[in-house]
Amino acid sequence: MPDKVFTLDDLKRILIAGAGADEAVDLDGDILQQRFDALGYESLALLETLSRIENEFDIALDDGVLTEESTPAQLIDAVNAVLEAARLAV
């Protein structure tokens, strides 16, 4: 398995593709520590985001990994932990 890494750019691209972007939120700003609900993403948008990440990166994420109170930094860390575990399992 190639060394895949999930980045903030990946997350922003997937969020916009799946749920769009709130015009009041600048996703190009410093969003790593902002909660998803503050960024305008609610539970359905977050579920769509998880599904898109799983499909694109060929991984399975725990449904509890992402809540409205989660931050992009927490999600990026969680996805990269699963990617690293999958790489080491090969």
PDB file of N, CA and C in Angstrom:
ATOM      1  N   MET A   1       0.846  -1.181   0.000  1.00  0.00           N
ATOM      2  CA  MET A   1       0.000   0.000   0.000  1.00  0.00           C
ATOM      3  C   MET A   1       0.885   1.236   0.000  1.00  0.00           C
ATOM      4  N   PRO A   2       0.629   2.160  -0.900  1.00  0.00           N
ATOM      5  CA  PRO A   2       1.438   3.375  -0.927  1.00  0.00           C
ATOM      6  C   PRO A   2       1.222   4.198   0.348  1.00  0.00           C
ATOM      7  N   ASP A   3       2.191   5.033   0.636  1.00  0.00           N
ATOM      8  CA  ASP A   3       2.104   5.885   1.819  1.00  0.00           C
ATOM      9  C   ASP A   3       1.149   7.028   1.542  1.00  0.00           C
ATOM     10  N   LYS A   4      -0.107   6.817   1.860  1.00  0.00           N
ATOM     11  CA  LYS A   4      -1.117   7.855   1.685  1.00  0.00           C
ATOM     12  C   LYS A   4      -1.145   8.718   2.935  1.00  0.00           C
ATOM     13  N   VAL A   5      -1.385   9.990   2.751  1.00  0.00           N
ATOM     14  CA  VAL A   5      -1.536  10.920   3.859  1.00  0.00           C
ATOM     15  C   VAL A   5      -2.772  11.761   3.577  1.00  0.00           C
ATOM     16  N   PHE A   6      -3.603  11.931   4.588  1.00  0.00           N
ATOM     17  CA  PHE A   6      -4.802  12.747   4.487  1.00  0.00           C
ATOM     18  C   PHE A   6      -4.463  14.146   4.981  1.00  0.00           C
ATOM     19  N   THR A   7      -4.686  15.140   4.147  1.00  0.00           N
ATOM     20  CA  THR A   7      -4.275  16.503   4.461  1.00  0.00           C
ATOM     21  C   THR A   7      -5.483  17.428   4.625  1.00  0.00           C
ATOM     22  N   LEU A   8      -5.216  18.619   5.109  1.00  0.00           N
ATOM     23  CA  LEU A   8      -6.264  19.627   5.224  1.00  0.00           C
ATOM     24  C   LEU A   8      -6.845  19.943   3.846  1.00  0.00           C
ATOM     25  N   ASP A   9      -6.014  19.988   2.832  1.00  0.00           N
ATOM     26  CA  ASP A   9      -6.516  20.231   1.471  1.00  0.00           C
ATOM     27  C   ASP A   9      -7.472  19.127   1.028  1.00  0.00           C
ATOM     28  N   ASP A  10      -7.154  17.865   1.371  1.00  0.00           N
ATOM     29  CA  ASP A  10      -8.058  16.757   1.061  1.00  0.00           C
ATOM     30  C   ASP A  10      -9.397  16.965   1.761  1.00  0.00           C
ATOM     31  N   LEU A  11      -9.330  17.312   3.036  1.00  0.00           N
ATOM     32  CA  LEU A  11     -10.552  17.510   3.807  1.00  0.00           C
ATOM     33  C   LEU A  11     -11.401  18.636   3.224  1.00  0.00           C
ATOM     34  N   LYS A  12     -10.800  19.756   2.920  1.00  0.00           N
ATOM     35  CA  LYS A  12     -11.554  20.882   2.359  1.00  0.00           C
ATOM     36  C   LYS A  12     -12.195  20.494   1.031  1.00  0.00           C
ATOM     37  N   ARG A  13     -11.462  19.807   0.185  1.00  0.00           N
ATOM     38  CA  ARG A  13     -11.986  19.383  -1.118  1.00  0.00           C
ATOM     39  C   ARG A  13     -13.191  18.462  -0.934  1.00  0.00           C
ATOM     40  N   ILE A  14     -13.087  17.517   0.003  1.00  0.00           N
ATOM     41  CA  ILE A  14     -14.166  16.557   0.236  1.00  0.00           C
ATOM     42  C   ILE A  14     -15.374  17.235   0.882  1.00  0.00           C
ATOM     43  N   LEU A  15     -15.132  18.130   1.829  1.00  0.00           N
ATOM     44  CA  LEU A  15     -16.236  18.864   2.451  1.00  0.00           C
ATOM     45  C   LEU A  15     -17.025  19.660   1.408  1.00  0.00           C
ATOM     46  N   ILE A  16     -16.325  20.371   0.564  1.00  0.00           N
ATOM     47  CA  ILE A  16     -16.983  21.205  -0.452  1.00  0.00           C
ATOM     48  C   ILE A  16     -17.723  20.339  -1.468  1.00  0.00           C
ATOM     49  N   ALA A  17     -17.114  19.233  -1.882  1.00  0.00           N
ATOM     50  CA  ALA A  17     -17.755  18.349  -2.855  1.00  0.00           C
ATOM     51  C   ALA A  17     -19.020  17.711  -2.285  1.00  0.00           C
ATOM     52  N   GLY A  18     -18.991  17.364  -1.016  1.00  0.00           N
ATOM     53  CA  GLY A  18     -20.118  16.658  -0.425  1.00  0.00           C
ATOM     54  C   GLY A  18     -21.197  17.547   0.137  1.00  0.00           C
ATOM     55  N   ALA A  19     -20.812  18.697   0.666  1.00  0.00           N
ATOM     56  CA  ALA A  19     -21.801  19.515   1.367  1.00  0.00           C
ATOM     57  C   ALA A  19     -21.727  20.992   1.037  1.00  0.00           C
ATOM     58  N   GLY A  20     -20.813  21.373   0.187  1.00  0.00           N
ATOM     59  CA  GLY A  20     -20.668  22.778  -0.132  1.00  0.00           C
ATOM     60  C   GLY A  20     -19.946  23.518   0.978  1.00  0.00           C
ATOM     61  N   ALA A  21     -20.004  24.817   0.931  1.00  0.00           N
ATOM     62  CA  ALA A  21     -19.343  25.637   1.942  1.00  0.00           C
ATOM     63  C   ALA A  21     -20.232  26.799   2.317  1.00  0.00           C
ATOM     64  N   ASP A  22     -20.278  27.088   3.587  1.00  0.00           N
ATOM     65  CA  ASP A  22     -21.024  28.233   4.095  1.00  0.00           C
ATOM     66  C   ASP A  22     -20.315  29.496   3.622  1.00  0.00           C
ATOM     67  N   GLU A  23     -21.046  30.391   2.984  1.00  0.00           N
ATOM     68  CA  GLU A  23     -20.431  31.606   2.448  1.00  0.00           C
ATOM     69  C   GLU A  23     -19.814  32.472   3.539  1.00  0.00           C
ATOM     70  N   ALA A  24     -20.267  32.308   4.769  1.00  0.00           N
ATOM     71  CA  ALA A  24     -19.750  33.116   5.878  1.00  0.00           C
ATOM     72  C   ALA A  24     -18.448  32.549   6.445  1.00  0.00           C
ATOM     73  N   VAL A  25     -18.053  31.369   5.985  1.00  0.00           N
ATOM     74  CA  VAL A  25     -16.861  30.701   6.510  1.00  0.00           C
ATOM     75  C   VAL A  25     -15.763  30.683   5.456  1.00  0.00           C
ATOM     76  N   ASP A  26     -14.588  31.089   5.841  1.00  0.00           N
ATOM     77  CA  ASP A  26     -13.427  31.074   4.953  1.00  0.00           C
ATOM     78  C   ASP A  26     -12.645  29.793   5.213  1.00  0.00           C
ATOM     79  N   LEU A  27     -12.866  28.774   4.382  1.00  0.00           N
ATOM     80  CA  LEU A  27     -12.158  27.499   4.565  1.00  0.00           C
ATOM     81  C   LEU A  27     -10.669  27.631   4.297  1.00  0.00           C
ATOM     82  N   ASP A  28     -10.257  28.729   3.685  1.00  0.00           N
ATOM     83  CA  ASP A  28      -8.835  28.943   3.459  1.00  0.00           C
ATOM     84  C   ASP A  28      -8.170  29.611   4.654  1.00  0.00           C
ATOM     85  N   GLY A  29      -8.976  29.971   5.647  1.00  0.00           N
ATOM     86  CA  GLY A  29      -8.432  30.568   6.867  1.00  0.00           C
ATOM     87  C   GLY A  29      -7.904  29.483   7.803  1.00  0.00           C
ATOM     88  N   ASP A  30      -7.643  29.863   9.028  1.00  0.00           N
ATOM     89  CA  ASP A  30      -7.121  28.939  10.032  1.00  0.00           C
ATOM     90  C   ASP A  30      -8.285  28.170  10.660  1.00  0.00           C
ATOM     91  N   ILE A  31      -8.634  27.032  10.071  1.00  0.00           N
ATOM     92  CA  ILE A  31      -9.807  26.282  10.512  1.00  0.00           C
ATOM     93  C   ILE A  31      -9.469  25.015  11.286  1.00  0.00           C
ATOM     94  N   LEU A  32      -8.220  24.671  11.412  1.00  0.00           N
ATOM     95  CA  LEU A  32      -7.844  23.391  12.015  1.00  0.00           C
ATOM     96  C   LEU A  32      -8.453  23.155  13.389  1.00  0.00           C
ATOM     97  N   GLN A  33      -8.550  24.183  14.220  1.00  0.00           N
ATOM     98  CA  GLN A  33      -9.047  24.006  15.587  1.00  0.00           C
ATOM     99  C   GLN A  33     -10.493  24.462  15.769  1.00  0.00           C
ATOM    100  N   GLN A  34     -11.158  24.827  14.678  1.00  0.00           N
ATOM    101  CA  GLN A  34     -12.559  25.235  14.770  1.00  0.00           C
ATOM    102  C   GLN A  34     -13.460  24.010  14.716  1.00  0.00           C
ATOM    103  N   ARG A  35     -14.530  24.037  15.463  1.00  0.00           N
ATOM    104  CA  ARG A  35     -15.473  22.921  15.455  1.00  0.00           C
ATOM    105  C   ARG A  35     -16.232  22.903  14.129  1.00  0.00           C
ATOM    106  N   PHE A  36     -16.592  21.684  13.691  1.00  0.00           N
ATOM    107  CA  PHE A  36     -17.314  21.566  12.424  1.00  0.00           C
ATOM    108  C   PHE A  36     -18.639  22.308  12.452  1.00  0.00           C
ATOM    109  N   ASP A  37     -19.335  22.304  13.577  1.00  0.00           N
ATOM    110  CA  ASP A  37     -20.603  23.029  13.623  1.00  0.00           C
ATOM    111  C   ASP A  37     -20.379  24.532  13.456  1.00  0.00           C
ATOM    112  N   ALA A  38     -19.264  25.050  13.955  1.00  0.00           N
ATOM    113  CA  ALA A  38     -18.941  26.468  13.772  1.00  0.00           C
ATOM    114  C   ALA A  38     -18.593  26.776  12.321  1.00  0.00           C
ATOM    115  N   LEU A  39     -18.165  25.763  11.590  1.00  0.00           N
ATOM    116  CA  LEU A  39     -17.834  25.925  10.174  1.00  0.00           C
ATOM    117  C   LEU A  39     -19.070  25.731   9.283  1.00  0.00           C
ATOM    118  N   GLY A  40     -20.199  25.420   9.918  1.00  0.00           N
ATOM    119  CA  GLY A  40     -21.442  25.265   9.165  1.00  0.00           C
ATOM    120  C   GLY A  40     -21.745  23.849   8.732  1.00  0.00           C
ATOM    121  N   TYR A  41     -21.045  22.854   9.287  1.00  0.00           N
ATOM    122  CA  TYR A  41     -21.264  21.456   8.897  1.00  0.00           C
ATOM    123  C   TYR A  41     -21.959  20.709  10.030  1.00  0.00           C
ATOM    124  N   GLU A  42     -23.140  20.186   9.723  1.00  0.00           N
ATOM    125  CA  GLU A  42     -23.926  19.444  10.693  1.00  0.00           C
ATOM    126  C   GLU A  42     -23.827  17.949  10.410  1.00  0.00           C
ATOM    127  N   SER A  43     -24.570  17.159  11.170  1.00  0.00           N
ATOM    128  CA  SER A  43     -24.405  15.707  11.159  1.00  0.00           C
ATOM    129  C   SER A  43     -24.514  15.061   9.783  1.00  0.00           C
ATOM    130  N   LEU A  44     -25.491  15.442   8.968  1.00  0.00           N
ATOM    131  CA  LEU A  44     -25.607  14.825   7.644  1.00  0.00           C
ATOM    132  C   LEU A  44     -24.405  15.139   6.770  1.00  0.00           C
ATOM    133  N   ALA A  45     -23.938  16.360   6.811  1.00  0.00           N
ATOM    134  CA  ALA A  45     -22.757  16.744   6.037  1.00  0.00           C
ATOM    135  C   ALA A  45     -21.533  15.978   6.522  1.00  0.00           C
ATOM    136  N   LEU A  46     -21.445  15.764   7.825  1.00  0.00           N
ATOM    137  CA  LEU A  46     -20.294  15.047   8.372  1.00  0.00           C
ATOM    138  C   LEU A  46     -20.336  13.566   8.002  1.00  0.00           C
ATOM    139  N   LEU A  47     -21.535  12.984   7.990  1.00  0.00           N
ATOM    140  CA  LEU A  47     -21.654  11.585   7.552  1.00  0.00           C
ATOM    141  C   LEU A  47     -21.263  11.436   6.086  1.00  0.00           C
ATOM    142  N   GLU A  48     -21.684  12.378   5.266  1.00  0.00           N
ATOM    143  CA  GLU A  48     -21.299  12.364   3.850  1.00  0.00           C
ATOM    144  C   GLU A  48     -19.789  12.504   3.711  1.00  0.00           C
ATOM    145  N   THR A  49     -19.203  13.353   4.525  1.00  0.00           N
ATOM    146  CA  THR A  49     -17.751  13.544   4.499  1.00  0.00           C
ATOM    147  C   THR A  49     -17.034  12.249   4.851  1.00  0.00           C
ATOM    148  N   LEU A  50     -17.485  11.575   5.920  1.00  0.00           N
ATOM    149  CA  LEU A  50     -16.864  10.300   6.299  1.00  0.00           C
ATOM    150  C   LEU A  50     -16.970   9.282   5.175  1.00  0.00           C
ATOM    151  N   SER A  51     -18.132   9.199   4.571  1.00  0.00           N
ATOM    152  CA  SER A  51     -18.336   8.248   3.480  1.00  0.00           C
ATOM    153  C   SER A  51     -17.395   8.530   2.315  1.00  0.00           C
ATOM    154  N   ARG A  52     -17.256   9.778   1.959  1.00  0.00           N
ATOM    155  CA  ARG A  52     -16.370  10.146   0.848  1.00  0.00           C
ATOM    156  C   ARG A  52     -14.907   9.856   1.182  1.00  0.00           C
ATOM    157  N   ILE A  53     -14.513  10.108   2.421  1.00  0.00           N
ATOM    158  CA  ILE A  53     -13.133   9.812   2.830  1.00  0.00           C
ATOM    159  C   ILE A  53     -12.889   8.310   2.752  1.00  0.00           C
ATOM    160  N   GLU A  54     -13.826   7.517   3.282  1.00  0.00           N
ATOM    161  CA  GLU A  54     -13.675   6.064   3.260  1.00  0.00           C
ATOM    162  C   GLU A  54     -13.553   5.541   1.830  1.00  0.00           C
ATOM    163  N   ASN A  55     -14.396   6.042   0.944  1.00  0.00           N
ATOM    164  CA  ASN A  55     -14.361   5.587  -0.448  1.00  0.00           C
ATOM    165  C   ASN A  55     -13.078   6.004  -1.153  1.00  0.00           C
ATOM    166  N   GLU A  56     -12.684   7.236  -0.977  1.00  0.00           N
ATOM    167  CA  GLU A  56     -11.507   7.731  -1.690  1.00  0.00           C
ATOM    168  C   GLU A  56     -10.209   7.113  -1.178  1.00  0.00           C
ATOM    169  N   PHE A  57     -10.125   6.900   0.131  1.00  0.00           N
ATOM    170  CA  PHE A  57      -8.876   6.408   0.715  1.00  0.00           C
ATOM    171  C   PHE A  57      -8.922   4.918   1.033  1.00  0.00           C
ATOM    172  N   ASP A  58     -10.038   4.263   0.686  1.00  0.00           N
ATOM    173  CA  ASP A  58     -10.206   2.825   0.858  1.00  0.00           C
ATOM    174  C   ASP A  58      -9.920   2.387   2.294  1.00  0.00           C
ATOM    175  N   ILE A  59     -10.590   3.052   3.235  1.00  0.00           N
ATOM    176  CA  ILE A  59     -10.451   2.725   4.656  1.00  0.00           C
ATOM    177  C   ILE A  59     -11.837   2.681   5.281  1.00  0.00           C
ATOM    178  N   ALA A  60     -11.910   2.165   6.502  1.00  0.00           N
ATOM    179  CA  ALA A  60     -13.149   2.177   7.282  1.00  0.00           C
ATOM    180  C   ALA A  60     -12.904   3.001   8.538  1.00  0.00           C
ATOM    181  N   LEU A  61     -13.763   3.977   8.746  1.00  0.00           N
ATOM    182  CA  LEU A  61     -13.653   4.838   9.918  1.00  0.00           C
ATOM    183  C   LEU A  61     -14.792   4.538  10.872  1.00  0.00           C
ATOM    184  N   ASP A  62     -14.527   4.606  12.152  1.00  0.00           N
ATOM    185  CA  ASP A  62     -15.547   4.442  13.165  1.00  0.00           C
ATOM    186  C   ASP A  62     -16.508   5.624  13.075  1.00  0.00           C
ATOM    187  N   ASP A  63     -17.808   5.369  13.152  1.00  0.00           N
ATOM    188  CA  ASP A  63     -18.796   6.446  13.062  1.00  0.00           C
ATOM    189  C   ASP A  63     -18.606   7.499  14.148  1.00  0.00           C
ATOM    190  N   GLY A  64     -18.063   7.104  15.281  1.00  0.00           N
ATOM    191  CA  GLY A  64     -17.865   8.030  16.384  1.00  0.00           C
ATOM    192  C   GLY A  64     -16.658   8.933  16.223  1.00  0.00           C
ATOM    193  N   VAL A  65     -15.909   8.758  15.156  1.00  0.00           N
ATOM    194  CA  VAL A  65     -14.692   9.551  14.963  1.00  0.00           C
ATOM    195  C   VAL A  65     -15.012  11.010  14.675  1.00  0.00           C
ATOM    196  N   LEU A  66     -16.222  11.278  14.258  1.00  0.00           N
ATOM    197  CA  LEU A  66     -16.558  12.624  13.826  1.00  0.00           C
ATOM    198  C   LEU A  66     -17.896  13.055  14.399  1.00  0.00           C
ATOM    199  N   THR A  67     -17.879  14.166  15.113  1.00  0.00           N
ATOM    200  CA  THR A  67     -19.101  14.773  15.623  1.00  0.00           C
ATOM    201  C   THR A  67     -19.061  16.252  15.272  1.00  0.00           C
ATOM    202  N   GLU A  68     -20.165  16.922  15.494  1.00  0.00           N
ATOM    203  CA  GLU A  68     -20.202  18.356  15.221  1.00  0.00           C
ATOM    204  C   GLU A  68     -19.209  19.110  16.101  1.00  0.00           C
ATOM    205  N   GLU A  69     -18.857  18.534  17.241  1.00  0.00           N
ATOM    206  CA  GLU A  69     -17.907  19.173  18.140  1.00  0.00           C
ATOM    207  C   GLU A  69     -16.453  18.893  17.754  1.00  0.00           C
ATOM    208  N   SER A  70     -16.263  18.006  16.814  1.00  0.00           N
ATOM    209  CA  SER A  70     -14.917  17.672  16.361  1.00  0.00           C
ATOM    210  C   SER A  70     -14.331  18.818  15.552  1.00  0.00           C
ATOM    211  N   THR A  71     -13.018  18.785  15.418  1.00  0.00           N
ATOM    212  CA  THR A  71     -12.327  19.789  14.620  1.00  0.00           C
ATOM    213  C   THR A  71     -11.681  19.127  13.406  1.00  0.00           C
ATOM    214  N   PRO A  72     -11.363  19.903  12.382  1.00  0.00           N
ATOM    215  CA  PRO A  72     -10.641  19.341  11.254  1.00  0.00           C
ATOM    216  C   PRO A  72      -9.327  18.671  11.680  1.00  0.00           C
ATOM    217  N   ALA A  73      -8.619  19.256  12.632  1.00  0.00           N
ATOM    218  CA  ALA A  73      -7.354  18.663  13.088  1.00  0.00           C
ATOM    219  C   ALA A  73      -7.585  17.272  13.672  1.00  0.00           C
ATOM    220  N   GLN A  74      -8.656  17.112  14.458  1.00  0.00           N
ATOM    221  CA  GLN A  74      -8.952  15.804  15.045  1.00  0.00           C
ATOM    222  C   GLN A  74      -9.298  14.781  13.968  1.00  0.00           C
ATOM    223  N   LEU A  75     -10.073  15.192  12.981  1.00  0.00           N
ATOM    224  CA  LEU A  75     -10.437  14.268  11.905  1.00  0.00           C
ATOM    225  C   LEU A  75      -9.221  13.890  11.078  1.00  0.00           C
ATOM    226  N   ILE A  76      -8.389  14.849  10.747  1.00  0.00           N
ATOM    227  CA  ILE A  76      -7.180  14.561   9.968  1.00  0.00           C
ATOM    228  C   ILE A  76      -6.296  13.573  10.717  1.00  0.00           C
ATOM    229  N   ASP A  77      -6.112  13.777  12.012  1.00  0.00           N
ATOM    230  CA  ASP A  77      -5.305  12.850  12.818  1.00  0.00           C
ATOM    231  C   ASP A  77      -5.909  11.454  12.836  1.00  0.00           C
ATOM    232  N   ALA A  78      -7.235  11.369  12.981  1.00  0.00           N
ATOM    233  CA  ALA A  78      -7.904  10.069  13.018  1.00  0.00           C
ATOM    234  C   ALA A  78      -7.768   9.334  11.693  1.00  0.00           C
ATOM    235  N   VAL A  79      -7.959  10.034  10.591  1.00  0.00           N
ATOM    236  CA  VAL A  79      -7.841   9.407   9.271  1.00  0.00           C
ATOM    237  C   VAL A  79      -6.406   8.939   9.044  1.00  0.00           C
ATOM    238  N   ASN A  80      -5.437   9.763   9.386  1.00  0.00           N
ATOM    239  CA  ASN A  80      -4.041   9.369   9.196  1.00  0.00           C
ATOM    240  C   ASN A  80      -3.644   8.201  10.092  1.00  0.00           C
ATOM    241  N   ALA A  81      -4.230   8.096  11.269  1.00  0.00           N
ATOM    242  CA  ALA A  81      -3.959   6.940  12.149  1.00  0.00           C
ATOM    243  C   ALA A  81      -4.474   5.646  11.502  1.00  0.00           C
ATOM    244  N   VAL A  82      -5.651   5.711  10.894  1.00  0.00           N
ATOM    245  CA  VAL A  82      -6.207   4.530  10.215  1.00  0.00           C
ATOM    246  C   VAL A  82      -5.371   4.197   8.982  1.00  0.00           C
ATOM    247  N   LEU A  83      -4.962   5.195   8.238  1.00  0.00           N
ATOM    248  CA  LEU A  83      -4.103   4.955   7.064  1.00  0.00           C
ATOM    249  C   LEU A  83      -2.787   4.325   7.470  1.00  0.00           C
ATOM    250  N   GLU A  84      -2.190   4.797   8.559  1.00  0.00           N
ATOM    251  CA  GLU A  84      -0.916   4.253   9.035  1.00  0.00           C
ATOM    252  C   GLU A  84      -1.098   2.812   9.509  1.00  0.00           C
ATOM    253  N   ALA A  85      -2.190   2.524  10.232  1.00  0.00           N
ATOM    254  CA  ALA A  85      -2.448   1.167  10.682  1.00  0.00           C
ATOM    255  C   ALA A  85      -2.635   0.223   9.498  1.00  0.00           C
ATOM    256  N   ALA A  86      -3.324   0.688   8.464  1.00  0.00           N
ATOM    257  CA  ALA A  86      -3.534  -0.133   7.270  1.00  0.00           C
ATOM    258  C   ALA A  86      -2.202  -0.380   6.557  1.00  0.00           C
ATOM    259  N   ARG A  87      -1.354   0.634   6.522  1.00  0.00           N
ATOM    260  CA  ARG A  87      -0.049   0.476   5.870  1.00  0.00           C
ATOM    261  C   ARG A  87       0.812  -0.532   6.633  1.00  0.00           C
ATOM    262  N   LEU A  88       0.789  -0.461   7.957  1.00  0.00           N
ATOM    263  CA  LEU A  88       1.591  -1.379   8.760  1.00  0.00           C
ATOM    264  C   LEU A  88       1.054  -2.816   8.737  1.00  0.00           C
ATOM    265  N   ALA A  89      -0.242  -2.965   8.471  1.00  0.00           N
ATOM    266  CA  ALA A  89      -0.851  -4.296   8.439  1.00  0.00           C
ATOM    267  C   ALA A  89      -0.505  -5.065   7.175  1.00  0.00           C
ATOM    268  N   VAL A  90       0.017  -4.384   6.182  1.00  0.00           N
ATOM    269  CA  VAL A  90       0.329  -5.039   4.902  1.00  0.00           C
ATOM    270  C   VAL A  90       1.641  -5.771   4.996  1.00  0.00           C
TER     271      VAL A  90
END
